[in-house]
C-alpha cells in the first residue's frame, strides 16, 4: 500500500462475518490516515475462489496458504 498498490485477501470460507468486520476496521484506520479504505479489499469464497485469484494474470503477486 505504501507504494500505491491495493491489497486483497481471501480468508477462510468459514469466517465470512469475522472477515467483513476486520476489513471494516482496516478500512477505517486507512481512511483516518488519508488512504482510501478500498485499497484493502476482501473476497469471500472457497478454495476455488482463492485459486482463481492467485492464478489470474491480472494479479501481480499472490500468496496461497492452505490449511489441511
N, C-alpha and C. Protein backbone atom coordinates (compact mmCIF):
# COMPACT_ATOMS: atom_id res chain seq x y z
N UNK A 1 0.81 -1.19 0.00
CA UNK A 1 0.00 0.00 0.00
C UNK A 1 0.86 1.26 0.00
N UNK A 2 2.01 1.18 0.63
CA UNK A 2 2.89 2.35 0.67
C UNK A 2 3.38 2.72 -0.72
N UNK A 3 3.45 1.76 -1.62
CA UNK A 3 3.90 2.01 -2.99
C UNK A 3 2.74 2.33 -3.92
N UNK A 4 1.53 2.44 -3.38
CA UNK A 4 0.38 2.77 -4.19
C UNK A 4 -0.39 1.58 -4.70
N UNK A 5 -0.07 0.40 -4.23
CA UNK A 5 -0.76 -0.81 -4.67
C UNK A 5 -1.91 -1.14 -3.74
N UNK A 6 -2.92 -1.75 -4.28
CA UNK A 6 -4.04 -2.23 -3.47
C UNK A 6 -3.74 -3.64 -3.00
N UNK A 7 -4.41 -4.04 -1.95
CA UNK A 7 -4.28 -5.41 -1.45
C UNK A 7 -5.63 -6.09 -1.46
N UNK A 8 -5.60 -7.39 -1.53
CA UNK A 8 -6.83 -8.16 -1.47
C UNK A 8 -6.54 -9.41 -0.65
N UNK A 9 -7.48 -9.78 0.17
CA UNK A 9 -7.29 -11.01 0.95
C UNK A 9 -8.54 -11.85 0.87
N UNK A 10 -8.33 -13.16 0.91
CA UNK A 10 -9.41 -14.12 0.85
C UNK A 10 -9.23 -15.07 2.03
N UNK A 11 -9.91 -14.76 3.12
CA UNK A 11 -9.79 -15.60 4.31
C UNK A 11 -10.58 -16.90 4.17
N UNK A 12 -10.54 -17.68 5.20
CA UNK A 12 -11.27 -18.94 5.23
C UNK A 12 -12.75 -18.72 4.93
N UNK A 13 -13.32 -19.63 4.19
CA UNK A 13 -14.74 -19.52 3.85
C UNK A 13 -15.64 -19.70 5.07
N UNK A 14 -15.09 -20.23 6.15
CA UNK A 14 -15.91 -20.47 7.35
C UNK A 14 -16.00 -19.27 8.27
N UNK A 15 -15.34 -18.16 7.92
CA UNK A 15 -15.36 -16.98 8.79
C UNK A 15 -15.74 -15.70 8.05
N UNK A 16 -16.79 -15.71 7.23
CA UNK A 16 -17.08 -14.51 6.43
C UNK A 16 -17.46 -13.29 7.27
N UNK A 17 -18.22 -13.47 8.34
CA UNK A 17 -18.63 -12.30 9.12
C UNK A 17 -17.46 -11.68 9.86
N UNK A 18 -16.58 -12.50 10.41
CA UNK A 18 -15.39 -12.00 11.07
C UNK A 18 -14.51 -11.27 10.06
N UNK A 19 -14.38 -11.81 8.88
CA UNK A 19 -13.57 -11.20 7.83
C UNK A 19 -14.10 -9.84 7.42
N UNK A 20 -15.40 -9.74 7.33
CA UNK A 20 -16.02 -8.45 6.98
C UNK A 20 -15.76 -7.44 8.08
N UNK A 21 -15.87 -7.84 9.34
CA UNK A 21 -15.62 -6.94 10.46
C UNK A 21 -14.17 -6.45 10.46
N UNK A 22 -13.22 -7.35 10.24
CA UNK A 22 -11.81 -6.96 10.20
C UNK A 22 -11.55 -6.00 9.05
N UNK A 23 -12.14 -6.27 7.90
CA UNK A 23 -11.96 -5.39 6.74
C UNK A 23 -12.51 -4.00 7.02
N UNK A 24 -13.64 -3.91 7.70
CA UNK A 24 -14.20 -2.61 8.05
C UNK A 24 -13.27 -1.85 8.99
N UNK A 25 -12.67 -2.55 9.94
CA UNK A 25 -11.72 -1.90 10.87
C UNK A 25 -10.50 -1.39 10.11
N UNK A 26 -9.93 -2.24 9.27
CA UNK A 26 -8.74 -1.85 8.50
C UNK A 26 -9.06 -0.66 7.59
N UNK A 27 -10.19 -0.70 6.93
CA UNK A 27 -10.59 0.40 6.05
C UNK A 27 -10.74 1.71 6.84
N UNK A 28 -11.31 1.61 8.02
CA UNK A 28 -11.47 2.80 8.86
C UNK A 28 -10.14 3.39 9.27
N UNK A 29 -9.20 2.55 9.64
CA UNK A 29 -7.86 3.02 10.02
C UNK A 29 -7.17 3.68 8.82
N UNK A 30 -7.28 3.05 7.67
CA UNK A 30 -6.68 3.62 6.47
C UNK A 30 -7.27 4.99 6.16
N UNK A 31 -8.59 5.10 6.21
CA UNK A 31 -9.26 6.36 5.89
C UNK A 31 -8.90 7.46 6.87
N UNK A 32 -8.70 7.11 8.14
CA UNK A 32 -8.29 8.11 9.14
C UNK A 32 -6.87 8.61 8.87
N UNK A 33 -6.12 7.87 8.07
CA UNK A 33 -4.76 8.26 7.71
C UNK A 33 -4.66 8.72 6.26
N UNK A 34 -5.79 9.18 5.73
CA UNK A 34 -5.87 9.74 4.38
C UNK A 34 -5.49 8.76 3.28
N UNK A 35 -5.78 7.48 3.51
CA UNK A 35 -5.58 6.45 2.49
C UNK A 35 -6.95 5.87 2.19
N UNK A 36 -7.33 5.75 0.93
CA UNK A 36 -8.65 5.19 0.62
C UNK A 36 -8.83 3.79 1.20
N UNK A 37 -9.91 3.58 1.93
CA UNK A 37 -10.17 2.29 2.54
C UNK A 37 -10.30 1.16 1.54
N UNK A 38 -10.64 1.50 0.31
CA UNK A 38 -10.84 0.48 -0.72
C UNK A 38 -9.55 -0.19 -1.16
N UNK A 39 -8.39 0.31 -0.74
CA UNK A 39 -7.15 -0.35 -1.15
C UNK A 39 -6.93 -1.66 -0.41
N UNK A 40 -7.72 -1.90 0.62
CA UNK A 40 -7.67 -3.18 1.34
C UNK A 40 -8.97 -3.92 1.05
N UNK A 41 -8.95 -4.77 0.04
CA UNK A 41 -10.15 -5.46 -0.42
C UNK A 41 -10.31 -6.84 0.18
N UNK A 42 -11.54 -7.31 0.20
CA UNK A 42 -11.90 -8.62 0.73
C UNK A 42 -12.67 -9.40 -0.32
N UNK A 43 -12.31 -10.66 -0.47
CA UNK A 43 -13.04 -11.58 -1.34
C UNK A 43 -13.40 -12.79 -0.51
N UNK A 44 -14.65 -13.21 -0.55
CA UNK A 44 -15.06 -14.39 0.20
C UNK A 44 -15.31 -15.54 -0.76
N UNK A 45 -15.22 -16.74 -0.25
CA UNK A 45 -15.46 -17.92 -1.07
C UNK A 45 -14.57 -19.06 -0.64
N UNK A 46 -14.60 -20.12 -1.39
CA UNK A 46 -13.82 -21.31 -1.08
C UNK A 46 -12.47 -21.33 -1.76
N UNK A 47 -11.85 -22.51 -1.76
CA UNK A 47 -10.52 -22.68 -2.35
C UNK A 47 -10.50 -22.34 -3.83
N UNK A 48 -11.60 -22.59 -4.51
CA UNK A 48 -11.64 -22.29 -5.94
C UNK A 48 -11.52 -20.80 -6.21
N UNK A 49 -12.10 -19.99 -5.34
CA UNK A 49 -12.01 -18.53 -5.48
C UNK A 49 -10.57 -18.07 -5.24
N UNK A 50 -9.96 -18.58 -4.17
CA UNK A 50 -8.58 -18.23 -3.89
C UNK A 50 -7.64 -18.65 -5.01
N UNK A 51 -7.86 -19.84 -5.53
CA UNK A 51 -7.03 -20.32 -6.64
C UNK A 51 -7.16 -19.45 -7.87
N UNK A 52 -8.38 -19.01 -8.15
CA UNK A 52 -8.61 -18.15 -9.32
C UNK A 52 -7.88 -16.81 -9.16
N UNK A 53 -7.85 -16.28 -7.94
CA UNK A 53 -7.14 -15.02 -7.70
C UNK A 53 -5.64 -15.20 -7.92
N UNK A 54 -5.09 -16.24 -7.32
CA UNK A 54 -3.65 -16.47 -7.42
C UNK A 54 -3.22 -16.76 -8.85
N UNK A 55 -4.02 -17.48 -9.58
CA UNK A 55 -3.67 -17.84 -10.95
C UNK A 55 -3.97 -16.76 -11.98
N UNK A 56 -4.70 -15.73 -11.59
CA UNK A 56 -5.10 -14.68 -12.52
C UNK A 56 -3.90 -13.90 -13.05
N UNK A 57 -3.91 -13.61 -14.33
CA UNK A 57 -2.87 -12.79 -14.95
C UNK A 57 -3.01 -11.33 -14.52
N UNK A 58 -4.15 -10.95 -13.95
CA UNK A 58 -4.39 -9.57 -13.52
C UNK A 58 -3.82 -9.30 -12.12
N UNK A 59 -3.38 -10.34 -11.44
CA UNK A 59 -2.81 -10.19 -10.10
C UNK A 59 -1.31 -10.34 -10.21
N UNK A 60 -0.58 -9.30 -9.78
CA UNK A 60 0.87 -9.31 -9.93
C UNK A 60 1.56 -10.25 -8.96
N UNK A 61 1.05 -10.38 -7.75
CA UNK A 61 1.71 -11.22 -6.78
C UNK A 61 0.64 -11.81 -5.86
N UNK A 62 0.80 -13.06 -5.52
CA UNK A 62 -0.15 -13.68 -4.60
C UNK A 62 0.50 -14.75 -3.76
N UNK A 63 -0.01 -14.92 -2.57
CA UNK A 63 0.44 -15.99 -1.71
C UNK A 63 -0.75 -16.89 -1.46
N UNK A 64 -0.51 -18.14 -1.40
CA UNK A 64 -1.57 -19.13 -1.26
C UNK A 64 -1.26 -19.98 -0.05
N UNK A 65 -2.07 -19.89 0.99
CA UNK A 65 -1.87 -20.68 2.20
C UNK A 65 -3.06 -21.60 2.38
N UNK A 66 -2.80 -22.88 2.43
CA UNK A 66 -3.87 -23.86 2.62
C UNK A 66 -3.74 -24.51 3.98
N UNK A 67 -4.86 -24.69 4.63
CA UNK A 67 -4.87 -25.47 5.87
C UNK A 67 -5.31 -26.87 5.51
N UNK A 68 -4.69 -27.86 6.08
CA UNK A 68 -5.05 -29.25 5.80
C UNK A 68 -6.32 -29.62 6.51
